[in-house]
Amino acid sequence: QVQLVESGGGLVLPGESLRLACVGSGREFTSYYDMAWFREAPGKEREFVAAISWTGGTTWYTDAVKGRFTVSRDNAKNTLGLQMNDLSPEDTGVYYCAGANSLGPYQTTRVADFQSWGQGTQVTVSS
């Protein structure tokens, strides 16, 4: 069974850090082209957070997380990571990892360009 499974979410105080991981199974991780993290806050649409290219050589972020979040990819370990530092309440939401099954637009941020999704992990930032 082909799966992407996220982990690492939790409840943290503002200013603290979390590291999310997404582990793939059932297919070669290198068969995903771009991979990304999205998040969904209560009552809001799913939004792009960060993404990384097939080789890991290119990364891109939404402006709200630049300088605080770092996306990484280890194809040998079938793992996508997201290091989140200096978290704020605005970062609260369910975080999803996603993989593109085909080569999409350059540095895409669109939900529609990612076809494989995990089930999500909850991140709550609150004092």
Foldseek 3Di string as FASTA:
>chain_A
DWAWAKDWADEEAAQAKIKMKIAIDDDQLLLFAKKFKWWDDPPGDIWGAKIAGSVRPDIDGDPVQPPFKDWGDDRVRRMIMIIGGRDDQVPWGWMKMFTANDDDPDPDTDPVRTDHIHPTDGHGYDD
